[in-house]
């Protein structure tokens, strides 16, 4: 699957420390994307780097899926021509 919207830079902001130990808990960590938006639905973040390389982040996301609403309509064409009309006139109406 290819996504036409790819962002190359993300900022990972750790959650604030609870006690003075300097350790950050994972819950509350935020991921900001290069377009300024915050990534929601983040399940895990894995940071890695090789010697003389750059940091890479593997971010697992469970996106919120917005359901598609489909409707089926039975449309009928009704003749609404008046006696004084010079040509036929039709209207589309929903069937009962």
PDB file of N, CA and C in Angstrom:
ATOM      1  N   UNK A   1       0.850  -1.180   0.000  1.00  0.00           N
ATOM      2  CA  UNK A   1       0.000   0.000   0.000  1.00  0.00           C
ATOM      3  C   UNK A   1       0.890   1.236   0.000  1.00  0.00           C
ATOM      4  N   UNK A   2       0.620   2.145  -0.876  1.00  0.00           N
ATOM      5  CA  UNK A   2       1.375   3.390  -0.910  1.00  0.00           C
ATOM      6  C   UNK A   2       0.461   4.529  -0.517  1.00  0.00           C
ATOM      7  N   UNK A   3       0.995   5.454   0.213  1.00  0.00           N
ATOM      8  CA  UNK A   3       0.248   6.615   0.670  1.00  0.00           C
ATOM      9  C   UNK A   3       0.792   7.835  -0.037  1.00  0.00           C
ATOM     10  N   UNK A   4      -0.100   8.610  -0.632  1.00  0.00           N
ATOM     11  CA  UNK A   4       0.364   9.788  -1.357  1.00  0.00           C
ATOM     12  C   UNK A   4       0.837  10.891  -0.427  1.00  0.00           C
ATOM     13  N   UNK A   5       0.418  10.857   0.847  1.00  0.00           N
ATOM     14  CA  UNK A   5       0.846  11.881   1.803  1.00  0.00           C
ATOM     15  C   UNK A   5       1.907  11.272   2.716  1.00  0.00           C
ATOM     16  N   UNK A   6       3.156  11.552   2.439  1.00  0.00           N
ATOM     17  CA  UNK A   6       4.247  11.040   3.244  1.00  0.00           C
ATOM     18  C   UNK A   6       4.970  12.206   3.904  1.00  0.00           C
ATOM     19  N   UNK A   7       5.194  12.069   5.197  1.00  0.00           N
ATOM     20  CA  UNK A   7       5.938  13.072   5.941  1.00  0.00           C
ATOM     21  C   UNK A   7       7.263  12.457   6.352  1.00  0.00           C
ATOM     22  N   UNK A   8       8.339  13.193   6.202  1.00  0.00           N
ATOM     23  CA  UNK A   8       9.662  12.647   6.452  1.00  0.00           C
ATOM     24  C   UNK A   8      10.188  12.978   7.842  1.00  0.00           C
ATOM     25  N   UNK A   9       9.553  13.928   8.530  1.00  0.00           N
ATOM     26  CA  UNK A   9      10.069  14.347   9.825  1.00  0.00           C
ATOM     27  C   UNK A   9       8.948  14.291  10.852  1.00  0.00           C
ATOM     28  N   UNK A  10       9.243  13.698  11.993  1.00  0.00           N
ATOM     29  CA  UNK A  10       8.300  13.676  13.106  1.00  0.00           C
ATOM     30  C   UNK A  10       9.063  14.064  14.367  1.00  0.00           C
ATOM     31  N   UNK A  11       8.387  14.746  15.272  1.00  0.00           N
ATOM     32  CA  UNK A  11       8.981  15.106  16.547  1.00  0.00           C
ATOM     33  C   UNK A  11       8.297  14.285  17.620  1.00  0.00           C
ATOM     34  N   UNK A  12       9.073  13.558  18.383  1.00  0.00           N
ATOM     35  CA  UNK A  12       8.523  12.731  19.456  1.00  0.00           C
ATOM     36  C   UNK A  12       8.754  13.454  20.769  1.00  0.00           C
ATOM     37  N   UNK A  13       7.661  13.778  21.445  1.00  0.00           N
ATOM     38  CA  UNK A  13       7.729  14.532  22.695  1.00  0.00           C
ATOM     39  C   UNK A  13       7.361  13.589  23.838  1.00  0.00           C
ATOM     40  N   UNK A  14       8.318  13.270  24.707  1.00  0.00           N
ATOM     41  CA  UNK A  14       8.014  12.344  25.803  1.00  0.00           C
ATOM     42  C   UNK A  14       7.043  12.972  26.799  1.00  0.00           C
ATOM     43  N   UNK A  15       6.339  12.098  27.508  1.00  0.00           N
ATOM     44  CA  UNK A  15       5.418  12.559  28.553  1.00  0.00           C
ATOM     45  C   UNK A  15       6.230  13.197  29.676  1.00  0.00           C
ATOM     46  N   UNK A  16       5.617  14.123  30.419  1.00  0.00           N
ATOM     47  CA  UNK A  16       6.346  14.727  31.537  1.00  0.00           C
ATOM     48  C   UNK A  16       6.670  13.682  32.611  1.00  0.00           C
ATOM     49  N   UNK A  17       7.743  13.916  33.344  1.00  0.00           N
ATOM     50  CA  UNK A  17       8.118  12.988  34.419  1.00  0.00           C
ATOM     51  C   UNK A  17       7.126  13.113  35.570  1.00  0.00           C
ATOM     52  N   UNK A  18       6.830  11.978  36.188  1.00  0.00           N
ATOM     53  CA  UNK A  18       5.892  11.968  37.326  1.00  0.00           C
ATOM     54  C   UNK A  18       6.595  12.348  38.622  1.00  0.00           C
ATOM     55  N   UNK A  19       7.763  11.800  38.803  1.00  0.00           N
ATOM     56  CA  UNK A  19       8.548  12.126  40.000  1.00  0.00           C
ATOM     57  C   UNK A  19       9.858  12.762  39.551  1.00  0.00           C
ATOM     58  N   UNK A  20      10.675  13.125  40.423  1.00  0.00           N
ATOM     59  CA  UNK A  20      11.922  13.803  40.080  1.00  0.00           C
ATOM     60  C   UNK A  20      13.015  12.889  39.555  1.00  0.00           C
ATOM     61  N   UNK A  21      12.686  11.636  39.196  1.00  0.00           N
ATOM     62  CA  UNK A  21      13.724  10.674  38.799  1.00  0.00           C
ATOM     63  C   UNK A  21      14.280  10.941  37.403  1.00  0.00           C
ATOM     64  N   UNK A  22      13.586  11.712  36.595  1.00  0.00           N
ATOM     65  CA  UNK A  22      14.045  11.984  35.237  1.00  0.00           C
ATOM     66  C   UNK A  22      13.582  10.947  34.232  1.00  0.00           C
ATOM     67  N   UNK A  23      12.914   9.891  34.704  1.00  0.00           N
ATOM     68  CA  UNK A  23      12.401   8.852  33.802  1.00  0.00           C
ATOM     69  C   UNK A  23      11.045   9.276  33.253  1.00  0.00           C
ATOM     70  N   UNK A  24      10.876   9.089  31.969  1.00  0.00           N
ATOM     71  CA  UNK A  24       9.615   9.434  31.314  1.00  0.00           C
ATOM     72  C   UNK A  24       8.804   8.169  31.069  1.00  0.00           C
ATOM     73  N   UNK A  25       7.546   8.184  31.461  1.00  0.00           N
ATOM     74  CA  UNK A  25       6.653   7.067  31.155  1.00  0.00           C
ATOM     75  C   UNK A  25       6.240   7.151  29.687  1.00  0.00           C
ATOM     76  N   UNK A  26       5.888   6.020  29.121  1.00  0.00           N
ATOM     77  CA  UNK A  26       5.505   6.012  27.708  1.00  0.00           C
ATOM     78  C   UNK A  26       4.131   6.622  27.489  1.00  0.00           C
ATOM     79  N   UNK A  27       3.213   6.382  28.425  1.00  0.00           N
ATOM     80  CA  UNK A  27       1.857   6.919  28.255  1.00  0.00           C
ATOM     81  C   UNK A  27       1.889   8.441  28.341  1.00  0.00           C
ATOM     82  N   UNK A  28       1.348   9.084  27.315  1.00  0.00           N
ATOM     83  CA  UNK A  28       1.361  10.538  27.259  1.00  0.00           C
ATOM     84  C   UNK A  28       2.381  11.089  26.271  1.00  0.00           C
ATOM     85  N   UNK A  29       3.187  10.199  25.684  1.00  0.00           N
ATOM     86  CA  UNK A  29       4.138  10.634  24.653  1.00  0.00           C
ATOM     87  C   UNK A  29       3.363  11.083  23.425  1.00  0.00           C
ATOM     88  N   UNK A  30       3.794  12.172  22.813  1.00  0.00           N
ATOM     89  CA  UNK A  30       3.093  12.732  21.659  1.00  0.00           C
ATOM     90  C   UNK A  30       4.006  12.684  20.441  1.00  0.00           C
ATOM     91  N   UNK A  31       3.379  12.534  19.262  1.00  0.00           N
ATOM     92  CA  UNK A  31       4.116  12.547  18.004  1.00  0.00           C
ATOM     93  C   UNK A  31       3.566  13.700  17.171  1.00  0.00           C
ATOM     94  N   UNK A  32       4.421  14.682  16.897  1.00  0.00           N
ATOM     95  CA  UNK A  32       4.042  15.820  16.061  1.00  0.00           C
ATOM     96  C   UNK A  32       4.650  15.614  14.680  1.00  0.00           C
ATOM     97  N   UNK A  33       3.847  15.823  13.650  1.00  0.00           N
ATOM     98  CA  UNK A  33       4.302  15.634  12.279  1.00  0.00           C
ATOM     99  C   UNK A  33       4.855  16.931  11.710  1.00  0.00           C
ATOM    100  N   UNK A  34       5.573  16.830  10.603  1.00  0.00           N
ATOM    101  CA  UNK A  34       6.239  17.995  10.027  1.00  0.00           C
ATOM    102  C   UNK A  34       5.251  19.052   9.534  1.00  0.00           C
ATOM    103  N   UNK A  35       3.976  18.671   9.323  1.00  0.00           N
ATOM    104  CA  UNK A  35       2.983  19.668   8.907  1.00  0.00           C
ATOM    105  C   UNK A  35       2.326  20.354  10.106  1.00  0.00           C
ATOM    106  N   UNK A  36       2.787  20.027  11.337  1.00  0.00           N
ATOM    107  CA  UNK A  36       2.278  20.667  12.546  1.00  0.00           C
ATOM    108  C   UNK A  36       1.153  19.920  13.232  1.00  0.00           C
ATOM    109  N   UNK A  37       0.610  18.891  12.607  1.00  0.00           N
ATOM    110  CA  UNK A  37      -0.490  18.145  13.215  1.00  0.00           C
ATOM    111  C   UNK A  37       0.057  17.083  14.167  1.00  0.00           C
ATOM    112  N   UNK A  38      -0.803  16.631  15.081  1.00  0.00           N
ATOM    113  CA  UNK A  38      -0.421  15.592  16.028  1.00  0.00           C
ATOM    114  C   UNK A  38      -0.978  14.264  15.537  1.00  0.00           C
ATOM    115  N   UNK A  39      -0.153  13.243  15.560  1.00  0.00           N
ATOM    116  CA  UNK A  39      -0.549  11.912  15.121  1.00  0.00           C
ATOM    117  C   UNK A  39      -1.337  11.247  16.240  1.00  0.00           C
ATOM    118  N   UNK A  40      -2.550  10.807  15.933  1.00  0.00           N
ATOM    119  CA  UNK A  40      -3.360  10.153  16.956  1.00  0.00           C
ATOM    120  C   UNK A  40      -3.403   8.657  16.692  1.00  0.00           C
ATOM    121  N   UNK A  41      -3.780   7.887  17.700  1.00  0.00           N
ATOM    122  CA  UNK A  41      -3.877   6.446  17.567  1.00  0.00           C
ATOM    123  C   UNK A  41      -2.554   5.724  17.656  1.00  0.00           C
ATOM    124  N   UNK A  42      -1.520   6.374  18.215  1.00  0.00           N
ATOM    125  CA  UNK A  42      -0.193   5.764  18.298  1.00  0.00           C
ATOM    126  C   UNK A  42      -0.225   4.640  19.340  1.00  0.00           C
ATOM    127  N   UNK A  43       0.217   3.448  18.927  1.00  0.00           N
ATOM    128  CA  UNK A  43       0.270   2.285  19.813  1.00  0.00           C
ATOM    129  C   UNK A  43       1.686   2.066  20.347  1.00  0.00           C
ATOM    130  N   UNK A  44       2.682   2.236  19.467  1.00  0.00           N
ATOM    131  CA  UNK A  44       4.064   2.058  19.917  1.00  0.00           C
ATOM    132  C   UNK A  44       5.008   2.881  19.048  1.00  0.00           C
ATOM    133  N   UNK A  45       6.168   3.193  19.627  1.00  0.00           N
ATOM    134  CA  UNK A  45       7.225   3.915  18.919  1.00  0.00           C
ATOM    135  C   UNK A  45       8.534   3.171  19.182  1.00  0.00           C
ATOM    136  N   UNK A  46       9.249   2.858  18.108  1.00  0.00           N
ATOM    137  CA  UNK A  46      10.526   2.172  18.231  1.00  0.00           C
ATOM    138  C   UNK A  46      11.587   3.046  17.562  1.00  0.00           C
ATOM    139  N   UNK A  47      12.493   3.600  18.356  1.00  0.00           N
ATOM    140  CA  UNK A  47      13.587   4.422  17.831  1.00  0.00           C
ATOM    141  C   UNK A  47      14.825   3.554  17.669  1.00  0.00           C
ATOM    142  N   UNK A  48      15.505   3.715  16.535  1.00  0.00           N
ATOM    143  CA  UNK A  48      16.737   2.948  16.329  1.00  0.00           C
ATOM    144  C   UNK A  48      17.705   3.763  15.490  1.00  0.00           C
ATOM    145  N   UNK A  49      18.976   3.412  15.624  1.00  0.00           N
ATOM    146  CA  UNK A  49      20.023   4.051  14.824  1.00  0.00           C
ATOM    147  C   UNK A  49      21.208   3.108  14.745  1.00  0.00           C
ATOM    148  N   UNK A  50      21.918   3.174  13.625  1.00  0.00           N
ATOM    149  CA  UNK A  50      23.146   2.407  13.463  1.00  0.00           C
ATOM    150  C   UNK A  50      24.328   3.363  13.611  1.00  0.00           C
ATOM    151  N   UNK A  51      25.495   2.812  13.832  1.00  0.00           N
ATOM    152  CA  UNK A  51      26.695   3.639  13.971  1.00  0.00           C
ATOM    153  C   UNK A  51      26.868   4.508  12.732  1.00  0.00           C
ATOM    154  N   UNK A  52      27.149   5.775  12.946  1.00  0.00           N
ATOM    155  CA  UNK A  52      27.315   6.769  11.873  1.00  0.00           C
ATOM    156  C   UNK A  52      26.052   6.940  11.022  1.00  0.00           C
ATOM    157  N   UNK A  53      24.924   6.574  11.573  1.00  0.00           N
ATOM    158  CA  UNK A  53      23.657   6.702  10.847  1.00  0.00           C
ATOM    159  C   UNK A  53      22.777   7.774  11.459  1.00  0.00           C
ATOM    160  N   UNK A  54      21.552   7.798  11.051  1.00  0.00           N
ATOM    161  CA  UNK A  54      20.580   8.745  11.593  1.00  0.00           C
ATOM    162  C   UNK A  54      19.515   7.961  12.353  1.00  0.00           C
ATOM    163  N   UNK A  55      18.827   8.653  13.244  1.00  0.00           N
ATOM    164  CA  UNK A  55      17.730   8.032  13.982  1.00  0.00           C
ATOM    165  C   UNK A  55      16.573   7.748  13.037  1.00  0.00           C
ATOM    166  N   UNK A  56      15.983   6.602  13.198  1.00  0.00           N
ATOM    167  CA  UNK A  56      14.749   6.272  12.484  1.00  0.00           C
ATOM    168  C   UNK A  56      13.705   5.877  13.520  1.00  0.00           C
ATOM    169  N   UNK A  57      12.471   6.148  13.207  1.00  0.00           N
ATOM    170  CA  UNK A  57      11.377   5.810  14.114  1.00  0.00           C
ATOM    171  C   UNK A  57      10.375   4.934  13.374  1.00  0.00           C
ATOM    172  N   UNK A  58      10.030   3.828  13.994  1.00  0.00           N
ATOM    173  CA  UNK A  58       8.956   2.973  13.498  1.00  0.00           C
ATOM    174  C   UNK A  58       7.774   3.234  14.416  1.00  0.00           C
ATOM    175  N   UNK A  59       6.735   3.855  13.862  1.00  0.00           N
ATOM    176  CA  UNK A  59       5.581   4.265  14.652  1.00  0.00           C
ATOM    177  C   UNK A  59       4.392   3.409  14.238  1.00  0.00           C
ATOM    178  N   UNK A  60       3.846   2.652  15.185  1.00  0.00           N
ATOM    179  CA  UNK A  60       2.681   1.811  14.924  1.00  0.00           C
ATOM    180  C   UNK A  60       1.433   2.595  15.310  1.00  0.00           C
ATOM    181  N   UNK A  61       0.495   2.658  14.376  1.00  0.00           N
ATOM    182  CA  UNK A  61      -0.708   3.465  14.573  1.00  0.00           C
ATOM    183  C   UNK A  61      -1.939   2.615  14.284  1.00  0.00           C
ATOM    184  N   UNK A  62      -2.931   2.739  15.119  1.00  0.00           N
ATOM    185  CA  UNK A  62      -4.248   2.172  14.845  1.00  0.00           C
ATOM    186  C   UNK A  62      -5.171   3.352  14.565  1.00  0.00           C
ATOM    187  N   UNK A  63      -5.362   3.657  13.283  1.00  0.00           N
ATOM    188  CA  UNK A  63      -6.156   4.848  12.947  1.00  0.00           C
ATOM    189  C   UNK A  63      -7.632   4.656  13.240  1.00  0.00           C
ATOM    190  N   UNK A  64      -8.292   5.769  13.503  1.00  0.00           N
ATOM    191  CA  UNK A  64      -9.742   5.742  13.681  1.00  0.00           C
ATOM    192  C   UNK A  64     -10.360   5.678  12.296  1.00  0.00           C
ATOM    193  N   UNK A  65     -11.202   4.704  12.104  1.00  0.00           N
ATOM    194  CA  UNK A  65     -11.844   4.535  10.805  1.00  0.00           C
ATOM    195  C   UNK A  65     -13.223   5.176  10.850  1.00  0.00           C
ATOM    196  N   UNK A  66     -13.455   6.074   9.917  1.00  0.00           N
ATOM    197  CA  UNK A  66     -14.766   6.724   9.825  1.00  0.00           C
ATOM    198  C   UNK A  66     -15.606   5.888   8.881  1.00  0.00           C
ATOM    199  N   UNK A  67     -16.724   5.337   9.380  1.00  0.00           N
ATOM    200  CA  UNK A  67     -17.520   4.451   8.531  1.00  0.00           C
ATOM    201  C   UNK A  67     -18.164   5.202   7.372  1.00  0.00           C
ATOM    202  N   UNK A  68     -18.277   4.499   6.267  1.00  0.00           N
ATOM    203  CA  UNK A  68     -18.941   5.052   5.095  1.00  0.00           C
ATOM    204  C   UNK A  68     -20.426   4.755   5.203  1.00  0.00           C
ATOM    205  N   UNK A  69     -21.221   5.761   5.023  1.00  0.00           N
ATOM    206  CA  UNK A  69     -22.672   5.586   5.088  1.00  0.00           C
ATOM    207  C   UNK A  69     -23.184   5.487   3.660  1.00  0.00           C
ATOM    208  N   UNK A  70     -23.845   4.392   3.391  1.00  0.00           N
ATOM    209  CA  UNK A  70     -24.407   4.211   2.061  1.00  0.00           C
ATOM    210  C   UNK A  70     -25.925   4.176   2.170  1.00  0.00           C
ATOM    211  N   UNK A  71     -26.557   4.662   1.163  1.00  0.00           N
ATOM    212  CA  UNK A  71     -28.021   4.663   1.130  1.00  0.00           C
ATOM    213  C   UNK A  71     -28.477   4.194  -0.243  1.00  0.00           C
ATOM    214  N   UNK A  72     -29.566   3.483  -0.242  1.00  0.00           N
ATOM    215  CA  UNK A  72     -30.147   3.014  -1.486  1.00  0.00           C
ATOM    216  C   UNK A  72     -31.456   3.752  -1.669  1.00  0.00           C
ATOM    217  N   UNK A  73     -31.614   4.388  -2.798  1.00  0.00           N
ATOM    218  CA  UNK A  73     -32.841   5.124  -3.073  1.00  0.00           C
ATOM    219  C   UNK A  73     -33.434   4.616  -4.380  1.00  0.00           C
ATOM    220  N   UNK A  74     -34.724   4.456  -4.381  1.00  0.00           N
ATOM    221  CA  UNK A  74     -35.439   4.059  -5.582  1.00  0.00           C
ATOM    222  C   UNK A  74     -36.044   5.338  -6.164  1.00  0.00           C
ATOM    223  N   UNK A  75     -35.479   5.819  -7.259  1.00  0.00           N
ATOM    224  CA  UNK A  75     -35.922   7.067  -7.878  1.00  0.00           C
ATOM    225  C   UNK A  75     -36.822   6.731  -9.067  1.00  0.00           C
ATOM    226  N   UNK A  76     -37.935   7.394  -9.103  1.00  0.00           N
ATOM    227  CA  UNK A  76     -38.866   7.197 -10.214  1.00  0.00           C
ATOM    228  C   UNK A  76     -39.055   8.517 -10.937  1.00  0.00           C
ATOM    229  N   UNK A  77     -39.270   8.430 -12.222  1.00  0.00           N
ATOM    230  CA  UNK A  77     -39.519   9.610 -13.038  1.00  0.00           C
ATOM    231  C   UNK A  77     -41.026   9.726 -13.247  1.00  0.00           C
ATOM    232  N   UNK A  78     -41.560  10.899 -12.919  1.00  0.00           N
ATOM    233  CA  UNK A  78     -42.998  11.124 -12.984  1.00  0.00           C
ATOM    234  C   UNK A  78     -43.283  12.214 -14.019  1.00  0.00           C
ATOM    235  N   UNK A  79     -44.277  11.988 -14.820  1.00  0.00           N
ATOM    236  CA  UNK A  79     -44.703  12.970 -15.826  1.00  0.00           C
ATOM    237  C   UNK A  79     -45.527  14.048 -15.123  1.00  0.00           C
ATOM    238  N   UNK A  80     -45.053  15.305 -15.192  1.00  0.00           N
ATOM    239  CA  UNK A  80     -45.784  16.413 -14.557  1.00  0.00           C
ATOM    240  C   UNK A  80     -46.161  17.470 -15.589  1.00  0.00           C
ATOM    241  N   UNK A  81     -46.412  17.014 -16.787  1.00  0.00           N
ATOM    242  CA  UNK A  81     -46.737  17.929 -17.876  1.00  0.00           C
ATOM    243  C   UNK A  81     -48.115  18.535 -17.650  1.00  0.00           C
ATOM    244  N   UNK A  82     -48.212  19.854 -17.772  1.00  0.00           N
ATOM    245  CA  UNK A  82     -49.502  20.545 -17.679  1.00  0.00           C
ATOM    246  C   UNK A  82     -50.123  20.612 -19.068  1.00  0.00           C
ATOM    247  N   UNK A  83     -51.413  20.839 -19.120  1.00  0.00           N
ATOM    248  CA  UNK A  83     -52.119  20.872 -20.401  1.00  0.00           C
ATOM    249  C   UNK A  83     -51.600  21.968 -21.324  1.00  0.00           C
ATOM    250  N   UNK A  84     -51.173  23.098 -20.782  1.00  0.00           N
ATOM    251  CA  UNK A  84     -50.697  24.198 -21.618  1.00  0.00           C
ATOM    252  C   UNK A  84     -49.230  24.052 -22.030  1.00  0.00           C
ATOM    253  N   UNK A  85     -48.475  23.064 -21.482  1.00  0.00           N
ATOM    254  CA  UNK A  85     -47.071  22.856 -21.856  1.00  0.00           C
ATOM    255  C   UNK A  85     -46.971  22.369 -23.293  1.00  0.00           C
ATOM    256  N   UNK A  86     -45.946  22.853 -24.002  1.00  0.00           N
ATOM    257  CA  UNK A  86     -45.742  22.447 -25.395  1.00  0.00           C
ATOM    258  C   UNK A  86     -44.953  21.156 -25.499  1.00  0.00           C
ATOM    259  N   UNK A  87     -44.239  20.766 -24.443  1.00  0.00           N
ATOM    260  CA  UNK A  87     -43.492  19.511 -24.443  1.00  0.00           C
ATOM    261  C   UNK A  87     -43.660  18.832 -23.081  1.00  0.00           C
ATOM    262  N   UNK A  88     -43.288  17.586 -23.024  1.00  0.00           N
ATOM    263  CA  UNK A  88     -43.421  16.814 -21.785  1.00  0.00           C
ATOM    264  C   UNK A  88     -42.416  17.309 -20.737  1.00  0.00           C
ATOM    265  N   UNK A  89     -42.816  17.325 -19.451  1.00  0.00           N
ATOM    266  CA  UNK A  89     -41.975  17.697 -18.318  1.00  0.00           C
ATOM    267  C   UNK A  89     -41.975  16.550 -17.330  1.00  0.00           C
ATOM    268  N   UNK A  90     -40.780  16.162 -16.867  1.00  0.00           N
ATOM    269  CA  UNK A  90     -40.658  15.049 -15.928  1.00  0.00           C
ATOM    270  C   UNK A  90     -39.945  15.527 -14.668  1.00  0.00           C
ATOM    271  N   UNK A  91     -40.208  14.846 -13.553  1.00  0.00           N
ATOM    272  CA  UNK A  91     -39.537  15.122 -12.282  1.00  0.00           C
ATOM    273  C   UNK A  91     -39.114  13.794 -11.672  1.00  0.00           C
ATOM    274  N   UNK A  92     -37.941  13.783 -11.031  1.00  0.00           N
ATOM    275  CA  UNK A  92     -37.467  12.601 -10.334  1.00  0.00           C
ATOM    276  C   UNK A  92     -37.930  12.678  -8.896  1.00  0.00           C
ATOM    277  N   UNK A  93     -38.543  11.610  -8.396  1.00  0.00           N
ATOM    278  CA  UNK A  93     -39.027  11.563  -7.020  1.00  0.00           C
ATOM    279  C   UNK A  93     -38.591  10.252  -6.396  1.00  0.00           C
ATOM    280  N   UNK A  94     -38.438  10.269  -5.085  1.00  0.00           N
ATOM    281  CA  UNK A  94     -38.101   9.031  -4.376  1.00  0.00           C
ATOM    282  C   UNK A  94     -39.344   8.198  -4.212  1.00  0.00           C
ATOM    283  N   UNK A  95     -39.213   6.914  -4.469  1.00  0.00           N
ATOM    284  CA  UNK A  95     -40.368   6.003  -4.352  1.00  0.00           C
ATOM    285  C   UNK A  95     -40.612   5.704  -2.876  1.00  0.00           C
ATOM    286  N   UNK A  96     -41.827   5.411  -2.530  1.00  0.00           N
ATOM    287  CA  UNK A  96     -42.185   5.059  -1.138  1.00  0.00           C
ATOM    288  C   UNK A  96     -41.717   3.684  -0.771  1.00  0.00           C
TER     289      UNK A  96
END
